[in-house]
PDB file of N, CA and C in Angstrom:
ATOM      1  N   MET A   1      29.201 -61.626 -37.680  1.00  0.00           N
ATOM      2  CA  MET A   1      29.885 -62.390 -38.701  1.00  0.00           C
ATOM      3  C   MET A   1      29.066 -62.322 -39.986  1.00  0.00           C
ATOM      4  N   ILE A   2      29.759 -62.145 -41.096  1.00  0.00           N
ATOM      5  CA  ILE A   2      29.160 -62.097 -42.424  1.00  0.00           C
ATOM      6  C   ILE A   2      29.664 -63.297 -43.222  1.00  0.00           C
ATOM      7  N   LEU A   3      28.751 -63.945 -43.926  1.00  0.00           N
ATOM      8  CA  LEU A   3      29.110 -65.069 -44.784  1.00  0.00           C
ATOM      9  C   LEU A   3      29.028 -64.615 -46.237  1.00  0.00           C
ATOM     10  N   GLU A   4      30.152 -64.664 -46.901  1.00  0.00           N
ATOM     11  CA  GLU A   4      30.217 -64.387 -48.338  1.00  0.00           C
ATOM     12  C   GLU A   4      30.010 -65.725 -49.045  1.00  0.00           C
ATOM     13  N   ALA A   5      29.069 -65.767 -49.976  1.00  0.00           N
ATOM     14  CA  ALA A   5      28.790 -67.004 -50.721  1.00  0.00           C
ATOM     15  C   ALA A   5      28.911 -66.720 -52.211  1.00  0.00           C
ATOM     16  N   VAL A   6      29.698 -67.553 -52.893  1.00  0.00           N
ATOM     17  CA  VAL A   6      29.945 -67.345 -54.307  1.00  0.00           C
ATOM     18  C   VAL A   6      29.877 -68.691 -55.027  1.00  0.00           C
ATOM     19  N   MET A   7      28.980 -68.786 -56.018  1.00  0.00           N
ATOM     20  CA  MET A   7      28.919 -69.969 -56.865  1.00  0.00           C
ATOM     21  C   MET A   7      29.866 -69.720 -58.033  1.00  0.00           C
ATOM     22  N   LEU A   8      30.861 -70.577 -58.172  1.00  0.00           N
ATOM     23  CA  LEU A   8      31.883 -70.422 -59.198  1.00  0.00           C
ATOM     24  C   LEU A   8      31.697 -71.466 -60.286  1.00  0.00           C
ATOM     25  N   GLN A   9      31.695 -71.042 -61.529  1.00  0.00           N
ATOM     26  CA  GLN A   9      31.684 -71.973 -62.656  1.00  0.00           C
ATOM     27  C   GLN A   9      33.035 -71.853 -63.335  1.00  0.00           C
ATOM     28  N   VAL A  10      33.828 -72.907 -63.225  1.00  0.00           N
ATOM     29  CA  VAL A  10      35.177 -72.923 -63.785  1.00  0.00           C
ATOM     30  C   VAL A  10      35.112 -73.465 -65.216  1.00  0.00           C
ATOM     31  N   LYS A  11      35.875 -72.838 -66.087  1.00  0.00           N
ATOM     32  CA  LYS A  11      35.900 -73.242 -67.498  1.00  0.00           C
ATOM     33  C   LYS A  11      36.284 -74.714 -67.620  1.00  0.00           C
ATOM     34  N   SER A  12      35.638 -75.380 -68.543  1.00  0.00           N
ATOM     35  CA  SER A  12      35.852 -76.811 -68.766  1.00  0.00           C
ATOM     36  C   SER A  12      37.326 -77.118 -69.022  1.00  0.00           C
ATOM     37  N   GLY A  13      37.812 -78.147 -68.348  1.00  0.00           N
ATOM     38  CA  GLY A  13      39.190 -78.579 -68.503  1.00  0.00           C
ATOM     39  C   GLY A  13      40.184 -77.842 -67.622  1.00  0.00           C
ATOM     40  N   MET A  14      39.720 -76.831 -66.897  1.00  0.00           N
ATOM     41  CA  MET A  14      40.620 -76.034 -66.062  1.00  0.00           C
ATOM     42  C   MET A  14      40.457 -76.335 -64.578  1.00  0.00           C
ATOM     43  N   GLU A  15      39.661 -77.338 -64.241  1.00  0.00           N
ATOM     44  CA  GLU A  15      39.327 -77.614 -62.840  1.00  0.00           C
ATOM     45  C   GLU A  15      40.553 -77.930 -61.982  1.00  0.00           C
ATOM     46  N   VAL A  16      41.429 -78.778 -62.461  1.00  0.00           N
ATOM     47  CA  VAL A  16      42.609 -79.168 -61.674  1.00  0.00           C
ATOM     48  C   VAL A  16      43.514 -77.960 -61.445  1.00  0.00           C
ATOM     49  N   ASP A  17      43.761 -77.198 -62.513  1.00  0.00           N
ATOM     50  CA  ASP A  17      44.585 -75.992 -62.374  1.00  0.00           C
ATOM     51  C   ASP A  17      43.939 -75.007 -61.410  1.00  0.00           C
ATOM     52  N   PHE A  18      42.619 -74.853 -61.503  1.00  0.00           N
ATOM     53  CA  PHE A  18      41.913 -73.947 -60.603  1.00  0.00           C
ATOM     54  C   PHE A  18      42.109 -74.374 -59.155  1.00  0.00           C
ATOM     55  N   GLU A  19      41.918 -75.642 -58.861  1.00  0.00           N
ATOM     56  CA  GLU A  19      42.040 -76.113 -57.479  1.00  0.00           C
ATOM     57  C   GLU A  19      43.444 -75.882 -56.928  1.00  0.00           C
ATOM     58  N   HIS A  20      44.458 -76.119 -57.745  1.00  0.00           N
ATOM     59  CA  HIS A  20      45.841 -75.887 -57.299  1.00  0.00           C
ATOM     60  C   HIS A  20      46.102 -74.398 -57.083  1.00  0.00           C
ATOM     61  N   THR A  21      45.630 -73.586 -58.011  1.00  0.00           N
ATOM     62  CA  THR A  21      45.835 -72.145 -57.899  1.00  0.00           C
ATOM     63  C   THR A  21      45.052 -71.581 -56.721  1.00  0.00           C
ATOM     64  N   PHE A  22      43.840 -72.091 -56.496  1.00  0.00           N
ATOM     65  CA  PHE A  22      43.051 -71.626 -55.360  1.00  0.00           C
ATOM     66  C   PHE A  22      43.771 -71.935 -54.051  1.00  0.00           C
ATOM     67  N   ALA A  23      44.362 -73.109 -53.947  1.00  0.00           N
ATOM     68  CA  ALA A  23      45.113 -73.464 -52.731  1.00  0.00           C
ATOM     69  C   ALA A  23      46.250 -72.468 -52.509  1.00  0.00           C
ATOM     70  N   GLU A  24      46.921 -72.082 -53.572  1.00  0.00           N
ATOM     71  CA  GLU A  24      48.001 -71.089 -53.491  1.00  0.00           C
ATOM     72  C   GLU A  24      47.438 -69.725 -53.088  1.00  0.00           C
ATOM     73  N   ALA A  25      46.334 -69.325 -53.709  1.00  0.00           N
ATOM     74  CA  ALA A  25      45.737 -68.005 -53.447  1.00  0.00           C
ATOM     75  C   ALA A  25      45.125 -67.908 -52.051  1.00  0.00           C
ATOM     76  N   SER A  26      44.834 -69.029 -51.448  1.00  0.00           N
ATOM     77  CA  SER A  26      44.218 -69.021 -50.121  1.00  0.00           C
ATOM     78  C   SER A  26      45.062 -68.286 -49.088  1.00  0.00           C
ATOM     79  N   SER A  27      46.376 -68.326 -49.247  1.00  0.00           N
ATOM     80  CA  SER A  27      47.243 -67.624 -48.302  1.00  0.00           C
ATOM     81  C   SER A  27      47.033 -66.111 -48.372  1.00  0.00           C
ATOM     82  N   ILE A  28      46.563 -65.627 -49.501  1.00  0.00           N
ATOM     83  CA  ILE A  28      46.297 -64.189 -49.648  1.00  0.00           C
ATOM     84  C   ILE A  28      45.119 -63.798 -48.766  1.00  0.00           C
ATOM     85  N   ILE A  29      44.021 -64.516 -48.927  1.00  0.00           N
ATOM     86  CA  ILE A  29      42.802 -64.137 -48.208  1.00  0.00           C
ATOM     87  C   ILE A  29      42.938 -64.366 -46.699  1.00  0.00           C
ATOM     88  N   THR A  30      43.654 -65.401 -46.314  1.00  0.00           N
ATOM     89  CA  THR A  30      43.788 -65.694 -44.880  1.00  0.00           C
ATOM     90  C   THR A  30      44.579 -64.620 -44.141  1.00  0.00           C
ATOM     91  N   SER A  31      45.356 -63.839 -44.871  1.00  0.00           N
ATOM     92  CA  SER A  31      46.176 -62.795 -44.240  1.00  0.00           C
ATOM     93  C   SER A  31      45.423 -61.476 -44.054  1.00  0.00           C
ATOM     94  N   MET A  32      44.194 -61.393 -44.551  1.00  0.00           N
ATOM     95  CA  MET A  32      43.467 -60.127 -44.543  1.00  0.00           C
ATOM     96  C   MET A  32      42.826 -59.828 -43.189  1.00  0.00           C
ATOM     97  N   LYS A  33      42.817 -58.560 -42.832  1.00  0.00           N
ATOM     98  CA  LYS A  33      42.171 -58.111 -41.596  1.00  0.00           C
ATOM     99  C   LYS A  33      40.669 -58.383 -41.714  1.00  0.00           C
ATOM    100  N   GLY A  34      40.096 -58.966 -40.672  1.00  0.00           N
ATOM    101  CA  GLY A  34      38.665 -59.251 -40.658  1.00  0.00           C
ATOM    102  C   GLY A  34      38.293 -60.602 -41.229  1.00  0.00           C
ATOM    103  N   TYR A  35      39.266 -61.316 -41.778  1.00  0.00           N
ATOM    104  CA  TYR A  35      39.026 -62.668 -42.298  1.00  0.00           C
ATOM    105  C   TYR A  35      38.863 -63.632 -41.124  1.00  0.00           C
ATOM    106  N   LEU A  36      37.883 -64.534 -41.215  1.00  0.00           N
ATOM    107  CA  LEU A  36      37.688 -65.544 -40.180  1.00  0.00           C
ATOM    108  C   LEU A  36      37.979 -66.953 -40.682  1.00  0.00           C
ATOM    109  N   SER A  37      37.403 -67.332 -41.817  1.00  0.00           N
ATOM    110  CA  SER A  37      37.638 -68.671 -42.366  1.00  0.00           C
ATOM    111  C   SER A  37      37.075 -68.734 -43.778  1.00  0.00           C
ATOM    112  N   HIS A  38      37.448 -69.795 -44.490  1.00  0.00           N
ATOM    113  CA  HIS A  38      36.862 -70.019 -45.810  1.00  0.00           C
ATOM    114  C   HIS A  38      36.896 -71.503 -46.143  1.00  0.00           C
ATOM    115  N   GLU A  39      36.061 -71.859 -47.102  1.00  0.00           N
ATOM    116  CA  GLU A  39      36.076 -73.228 -47.615  1.00  0.00           C
ATOM    117  C   GLU A  39      35.632 -73.209 -49.066  1.00  0.00           C
ATOM    118  N   LEU A  40      36.175 -74.139 -49.822  1.00  0.00           N
ATOM    119  CA  LEU A  40      35.806 -74.311 -51.222  1.00  0.00           C
ATOM    120  C   LEU A  40      35.218 -75.707 -51.358  1.00  0.00           C
ATOM    121  N   GLN A  41      34.000 -75.777 -51.869  1.00  0.00           N
ATOM    122  CA  GLN A  41      33.302 -77.050 -52.056  1.00  0.00           C
ATOM    123  C   GLN A  41      33.151 -77.332 -53.549  1.00  0.00           C
ATOM    124  N   ARG A  42      33.418 -78.570 -53.958  1.00  0.00           N
ATOM    125  CA  ARG A  42      33.250 -78.986 -55.350  1.00  0.00           C
ATOM    126  C   ARG A  42      31.889 -79.652 -55.500  1.00  0.00           C
ATOM    127  N   CYS A  43      31.127 -79.248 -56.512  1.00  0.00           N
ATOM    128  CA  CYS A  43      29.807 -79.830 -56.769  1.00  0.00           C
ATOM    129  C   CYS A  43      29.954 -81.264 -57.260  1.00  0.00           C
ATOM    130  N   ILE A  44      29.130 -82.142 -56.747  1.00  0.00           N
ATOM    131  CA  ILE A  44      29.146 -83.543 -57.147  1.00  0.00           C
ATOM    132  C   ILE A  44      28.404 -83.742 -58.467  1.00  0.00           C
ATOM    133  N   GLU A  45      27.293 -83.034 -58.627  1.00  0.00           N
ATOM    134  CA  GLU A  45      26.438 -83.244 -59.804  1.00  0.00           C
ATOM    135  C   GLU A  45      26.912 -82.532 -61.069  1.00  0.00           C
ATOM    136  N   GLU A  46      27.621 -81.431 -60.934  1.00  0.00           N
ATOM    137  CA  GLU A  46      27.985 -80.639 -62.110  1.00  0.00           C
ATOM    138  C   GLU A  46      29.478 -80.334 -62.124  1.00  0.00           C
ATOM    139  N   LYS A  47      30.164 -80.906 -63.104  1.00  0.00           N
ATOM    140  CA  LYS A  47      31.609 -80.700 -63.228  1.00  0.00           C
ATOM    141  C   LYS A  47      31.916 -79.222 -63.442  1.00  0.00           C
ATOM    142  N   GLY A  48      32.928 -78.743 -62.735  1.00  0.00           N
ATOM    143  CA  GLY A  48      33.364 -77.361 -62.886  1.00  0.00           C
ATOM    144  C   GLY A  48      32.635 -76.367 -62.003  1.00  0.00           C
ATOM    145  N   LYS A  49      31.685 -76.836 -61.211  1.00  0.00           N
ATOM    146  CA  LYS A  49      30.923 -75.942 -60.345  1.00  0.00           C
ATOM    147  C   LYS A  49      31.447 -76.063 -58.914  1.00  0.00           C
ATOM    148  N   TYR A  50      31.687 -74.899 -58.290  1.00  0.00           N
ATOM    149  CA  TYR A  50      32.226 -74.836 -56.936  1.00  0.00           C
ATOM    150  C   TYR A  50      31.439 -73.816 -56.122  1.00  0.00           C
ATOM    151  N   LEU A  51      31.439 -74.024 -54.821  1.00  0.00           N
ATOM    152  CA  LEU A  51      30.847 -73.064 -53.898  1.00  0.00           C
ATOM    153  C   LEU A  51      31.954 -72.575 -52.974  1.00  0.00           C
ATOM    154  N   LEU A  52      32.167 -71.257 -52.978  1.00  0.00           N
ATOM    155  CA  LEU A  52      33.145 -70.640 -52.091  1.00  0.00           C
ATOM    156  C   LEU A  52      32.390 -69.941 -50.967  1.00  0.00           C
ATOM    157  N   LEU A  53      32.741 -70.280 -49.738  1.00  0.00           N
ATOM    158  CA  LEU A  53      32.162 -69.651 -48.552  1.00  0.00           C
ATOM    159  C   LEU A  53      33.297 -69.007 -47.762  1.00  0.00           C
ATOM    160  N   VAL A  54      33.154 -67.711 -47.501  1.00  0.00           N
ATOM    161  CA  VAL A  54      34.164 -66.985 -46.730  1.00  0.00           C
ATOM    162  C   VAL A  54      33.462 -66.280 -45.577  1.00  0.00           C
ATOM    163  N   ARG A  55      33.988 -66.432 -44.391  1.00  0.00           N
ATOM    164  CA  ARG A  55      33.440 -65.765 -43.212  1.00  0.00           C
ATOM    165  C   ARG A  55      34.315 -64.562 -42.866  1.00  0.00           C
ATOM    166  N   TRP A  56      33.646 -63.423 -42.734  1.00  0.00           N
ATOM    167  CA  TRP A  56      34.308 -62.161 -42.420  1.00  0.00           C
ATOM    168  C   TRP A  56      33.733 -61.602 -41.128  1.00  0.00           C
ATOM    169  N   GLU A  57      34.521 -60.834 -40.392  1.00  0.00           N
ATOM    170  CA  GLU A  57      34.029 -60.179 -39.184  1.00  0.00           C
ATOM    171  C   GLU A  57      32.922 -59.182 -39.525  1.00  0.00           C
ATOM    172  N   THR A  58      33.116 -58.424 -40.613  1.00  0.00           N
ATOM    173  CA  THR A  58      32.145 -57.415 -41.035  1.00  0.00           C
ATOM    174  C   THR A  58      32.040 -57.422 -42.558  1.00  0.00           C
ATOM    175  N   LEU A  59      30.992 -56.842 -43.077  1.00  0.00           N
ATOM    176  CA  LEU A  59      30.830 -56.691 -44.523  1.00  0.00           C
ATOM    177  C   LEU A  59      31.971 -55.846 -45.091  1.00  0.00           C
ATOM    178  N   GLU A  60      32.321 -54.784 -44.385  1.00  0.00           N
ATOM    179  CA  GLU A  60      33.374 -53.876 -44.844  1.00  0.00           C
ATOM    180  C   GLU A  60      34.750 -54.545 -44.898  1.00  0.00           C
ATOM    181  N   ALA A  61      34.972 -55.538 -44.048  1.00  0.00           N
ATOM    182  CA  ALA A  61      36.246 -56.268 -44.101  1.00  0.00           C
ATOM    183  C   ALA A  61      36.435 -56.888 -45.481  1.00  0.00           C
ATOM    184  N   HIS A  62      35.336 -57.322 -46.083  1.00  0.00           N
ATOM    185  CA  HIS A  62      35.406 -57.889 -47.422  1.00  0.00           C
ATOM    186  C   HIS A  62      35.334 -56.818 -48.503  1.00  0.00           C
ATOM    187  N   THR A  63      34.272 -56.017 -48.461  1.00  0.00           N
ATOM    188  CA  THR A  63      33.995 -55.096 -49.570  1.00  0.00           C
ATOM    189  C   THR A  63      34.977 -53.928 -49.665  1.00  0.00           C
ATOM    190  N   ILE A  64      35.474 -53.479 -48.538  1.00  0.00           N
ATOM    191  CA  ILE A  64      36.413 -52.344 -48.543  1.00  0.00           C
ATOM    192  C   ILE A  64      37.837 -52.823 -48.282  1.00  0.00           C
ATOM    193  N   GLY A  65      38.016 -53.566 -47.171  1.00  0.00           N
ATOM    194  CA  GLY A  65      39.353 -54.022 -46.791  1.00  0.00           C
ATOM    195  C   GLY A  65      40.005 -54.928 -47.821  1.00  0.00           C
ATOM    196  N   PHE A  66      39.354 -56.031 -48.129  1.00  0.00           N
ATOM    197  CA  PHE A  66      39.942 -56.986 -49.079  1.00  0.00           C
ATOM    198  C   PHE A  66      39.857 -56.476 -50.505  1.00  0.00           C
ATOM    199  N   ARG A  67      38.659 -56.115 -50.943  1.00  0.00           N
ATOM    200  CA  ARG A  67      38.483 -55.694 -52.335  1.00  0.00           C
ATOM    201  C   ARG A  67      39.263 -54.428 -52.690  1.00  0.00           C
ATOM    202  N   GLY A  68      39.555 -53.602 -51.704  1.00  0.00           N
ATOM    203  CA  GLY A  68      40.296 -52.367 -51.965  1.00  0.00           C
ATOM    204  C   GLY A  68      41.797 -52.513 -51.793  1.00  0.00           C
ATOM    205  N   SER A  69      42.259 -53.735 -51.584  1.00  0.00           N
ATOM    206  CA  SER A  69      43.675 -53.959 -51.269  1.00  0.00           C
ATOM    207  C   SER A  69      44.505 -54.383 -52.478  1.00  0.00           C
ATOM    208  N   GLU A  70      45.808 -54.228 -52.330  1.00  0.00           N
ATOM    209  CA  GLU A  70      46.745 -54.741 -53.338  1.00  0.00           C
ATOM    210  C   GLU A  70      46.674 -56.270 -53.391  1.00  0.00           C
ATOM    211  N   GLU A  71      46.428 -56.884 -52.241  1.00  0.00           N
ATOM    212  CA  GLU A  71      46.323 -58.346 -52.189  1.00  0.00           C
ATOM    213  C   GLU A  71      45.175 -58.846 -53.071  1.00  0.00           C
ATOM    214  N   TYR A  72      44.082 -58.077 -53.116  1.00  0.00           N
ATOM    215  CA  TYR A  72      42.953 -58.465 -53.965  1.00  0.00           C
ATOM    216  C   TYR A  72      43.359 -58.464 -55.435  1.00  0.00           C
ATOM    217  N   GLN A  73      44.205 -57.539 -55.836  1.00  0.00           N
ATOM    218  CA  GLN A  73      44.665 -57.505 -57.222  1.00  0.00           C
ATOM    219  C   GLN A  73      45.434 -58.789 -57.565  1.00  0.00           C
ATOM    220  N   GLU A  74      46.203 -59.287 -56.617  1.00  0.00           N
ATOM    221  CA  GLU A  74      46.925 -60.543 -56.829  1.00  0.00           C
ATOM    222  C   GLU A  74      45.939 -61.718 -56.891  1.00  0.00           C
ATOM    223  N   TRP A  75      44.965 -61.741 -55.963  1.00  0.00           N
ATOM    224  CA  TRP A  75      43.909 -62.760 -55.940  1.00  0.00           C
ATOM    225  C   TRP A  75      43.201 -62.793 -57.293  1.00  0.00           C
ATOM    226  N   LYS A  76      42.811 -61.624 -57.746  1.00  0.00           N
ATOM    227  CA  LYS A  76      42.098 -61.458 -59.013  1.00  0.00           C
ATOM    228  C   LYS A  76      42.943 -61.987 -60.178  1.00  0.00           C
ATOM    229  N   SER A  77      44.202 -61.625 -60.206  1.00  0.00           N
ATOM    230  CA  SER A  77      45.091 -62.057 -61.285  1.00  0.00           C
ATOM    231  C   SER A  77      45.284 -63.578 -61.293  1.00  0.00           C
ATOM    232  N   LEU A  78      45.316 -64.181 -60.118  1.00  0.00           N
ATOM    233  CA  LEU A  78      45.481 -65.631 -60.033  1.00  0.00           C
ATOM    234  C   LEU A  78      44.216 -66.400 -60.422  1.00  0.00           C
ATOM    235  N   LEU A  79      43.032 -65.875 -60.052  1.00  0.00           N
ATOM    236  CA  LEU A  79      41.817 -66.690 -60.123  1.00  0.00           C
ATOM    237  C   LEU A  79      40.755 -66.275 -61.141  1.00  0.00           C
ATOM    238  N   HIS A  80      40.617 -65.011 -61.427  1.00  0.00           N
ATOM    239  CA  HIS A  80      39.454 -64.566 -62.194  1.00  0.00           C
ATOM    240  C   HIS A  80      39.383 -65.107 -63.622  1.00  0.00           C
ATOM    241  N   HIS A  81      40.505 -65.466 -64.209  1.00  0.00           N
ATOM    242  CA  HIS A  81      40.482 -65.986 -65.587  1.00  0.00           C
ATOM    243  C   HIS A  81      39.897 -67.404 -65.667  1.00  0.00           C
ATOM    244  N   PHE A  82      39.686 -68.064 -64.536  1.00  0.00           N
ATOM    245  CA  PHE A  82      39.112 -69.409 -64.533  1.00  0.00           C
ATOM    246  C   PHE A  82      37.596 -69.405 -64.706  1.00  0.00           C
ATOM    247  N   TYR A  83      36.925 -68.282 -64.440  1.00  0.00           N
ATOM    248  CA  TYR A  83      35.464 -68.263 -64.322  1.00  0.00           C
ATOM    249  C   TYR A  83      34.754 -67.885 -65.622  1.00  0.00           C
ATOM    250  N   ASP A  84      33.698 -68.630 -65.928  1.00  0.00           N
ATOM    251  CA  ASP A  84      32.806 -68.285 -67.025  1.00  0.00           C
ATOM    252  C   ASP A  84      31.450 -68.917 -66.762  1.00  0.00           C
ATOM    253  N   PRO A  85      30.465 -68.097 -66.445  1.00  0.00           N
ATOM    254  CA  PRO A  85      30.476 -66.637 -66.385  1.00  0.00           C
ATOM    255  C   PRO A  85      31.129 -66.143 -65.097  1.00  0.00           C
ATOM    256  N   PHE A  86      31.350 -64.834 -65.058  1.00  0.00           N
ATOM    257  CA  PHE A  86      31.919 -64.257 -63.845  1.00  0.00           C
ATOM    258  C   PHE A  86      30.881 -64.363 -62.737  1.00  0.00           C
ATOM    259  N   PRO A  87      31.288 -64.798 -61.542  1.00  0.00           N
ATOM    260  CA  PRO A  87      30.322 -65.079 -60.475  1.00  0.00           C
ATOM    261  C   PRO A  87      29.740 -63.832 -59.804  1.00  0.00           C
ATOM    262  N   THR A  88      28.571 -64.028 -59.237  1.00  0.00           N
ATOM    263  CA  THR A  88      27.930 -63.022 -58.402  1.00  0.00           C
ATOM    264  C   THR A  88      28.271 -63.329 -56.949  1.00  0.00           C
ATOM    265  N   VAL A  89      28.692 -62.314 -56.225  1.00  0.00           N
ATOM    266  CA  VAL A  89      29.042 -62.462 -54.812  1.00  0.00           C
ATOM    267  C   VAL A  89      27.861 -61.976 -53.976  1.00  0.00           C
ATOM    268  N   GLU A  90      27.467 -62.783 -52.998  1.00  0.00           N
ATOM    269  CA  GLU A  90      26.379 -62.398 -52.106  1.00  0.00           C
ATOM    270  C   GLU A  90      26.856 -62.527 -50.666  1.00  0.00           C
ATOM    271  N   HIS A  91      26.265 -61.718 -49.798  1.00  0.00           N
ATOM    272  CA  HIS A  91      26.631 -61.703 -48.384  1.00  0.00           C
ATOM    273  C   HIS A  91      25.409 -62.038 -47.541  1.00  0.00           C
ATOM    274  N   PHE A  92      25.624 -62.808 -46.485  1.00  0.00           N
ATOM    275  CA  PHE A  92      24.540 -63.268 -45.625  1.00  0.00           C
ATOM    276  C   PHE A  92      24.898 -63.039 -44.170  1.00  0.00           C
ATOM    277  N   GLU A  93      23.842 -62.867 -43.358  1.00  0.00           N
ATOM    278  CA  GLU A  93      24.035 -62.775 -41.914  1.00  0.00           C
ATOM    279  C   GLU A  93      23.143 -63.805 -41.247  1.00  0.00           C
ATOM    280  N   LEU A  94      23.583 -64.298 -40.126  1.00  0.00           N
ATOM    281  CA  LEU A  94      22.876 -65.331 -39.389  1.00  0.00           C
ATOM    282  C   LEU A  94      21.541 -64.822 -38.862  1.00  0.00           C
ATOM    283  N   VAL A  95      20.483 -65.591 -39.088  1.00  0.00           N
ATOM    284  CA  VAL A  95      19.161 -65.230 -38.602  1.00  0.00           C
ATOM    285  C   VAL A  95      18.974 -65.737 -37.173  1.00  0.00           C
ATOM    286  N   SER A  96      19.238 -67.020 -36.968  1.00  0.00           N
ATOM    287  CA  SER A  96      19.172 -67.558 -35.619  1.00  0.00           C
ATOM    288  C   SER A  96      20.217 -68.655 -35.479  1.00  0.00           C
ATOM    289  N   PRO A  97      20.933 -68.651 -34.378  1.00  0.00           N
ATOM    290  CA  PRO A  97      21.988 -69.640 -34.191  1.00  0.00           C
ATOM    291  C   PRO A  97      21.441 -71.051 -34.015  1.00  0.00           C
ATOM    292  N   THR A  98      22.243 -72.028 -34.413  1.00  0.00           N
ATOM    293  CA  THR A  98      21.877 -73.423 -34.199  1.00  0.00           C
ATOM    294  C   THR A  98      22.178 -73.796 -32.760  1.00  0.00           C
ATOM    295  N   LYS A  99      21.492 -74.798 -32.277  1.00  0.00           N
ATOM    296  CA  LYS A  99      21.692 -75.222 -30.883  1.00  0.00           C
ATOM    297  C   LYS A  99      22.335 -76.576 -30.828  1.00  0.00           C
TER     298      LYS A  99
END
């Protein structure tokens, strides 16, 4: 399992629209091959800051499957105009499982 982690900074005043649009766009990502789950967290201390966590079966499910798809173009069109600056996407793998 690969964890995609993205810190999102949404433009001031666009937070409500972003949250509604993200809920709509979620159906896109959930339909992708290799998708496992995702969550969007809103920062308490800093308005407009969000953490997106997406779990994928493999790195390629995200980087090739999703990013190379027509569905990604729709995702991009719905969401990318909300971000400033554009976020950096990072991928993580589990070091040791919790007990």
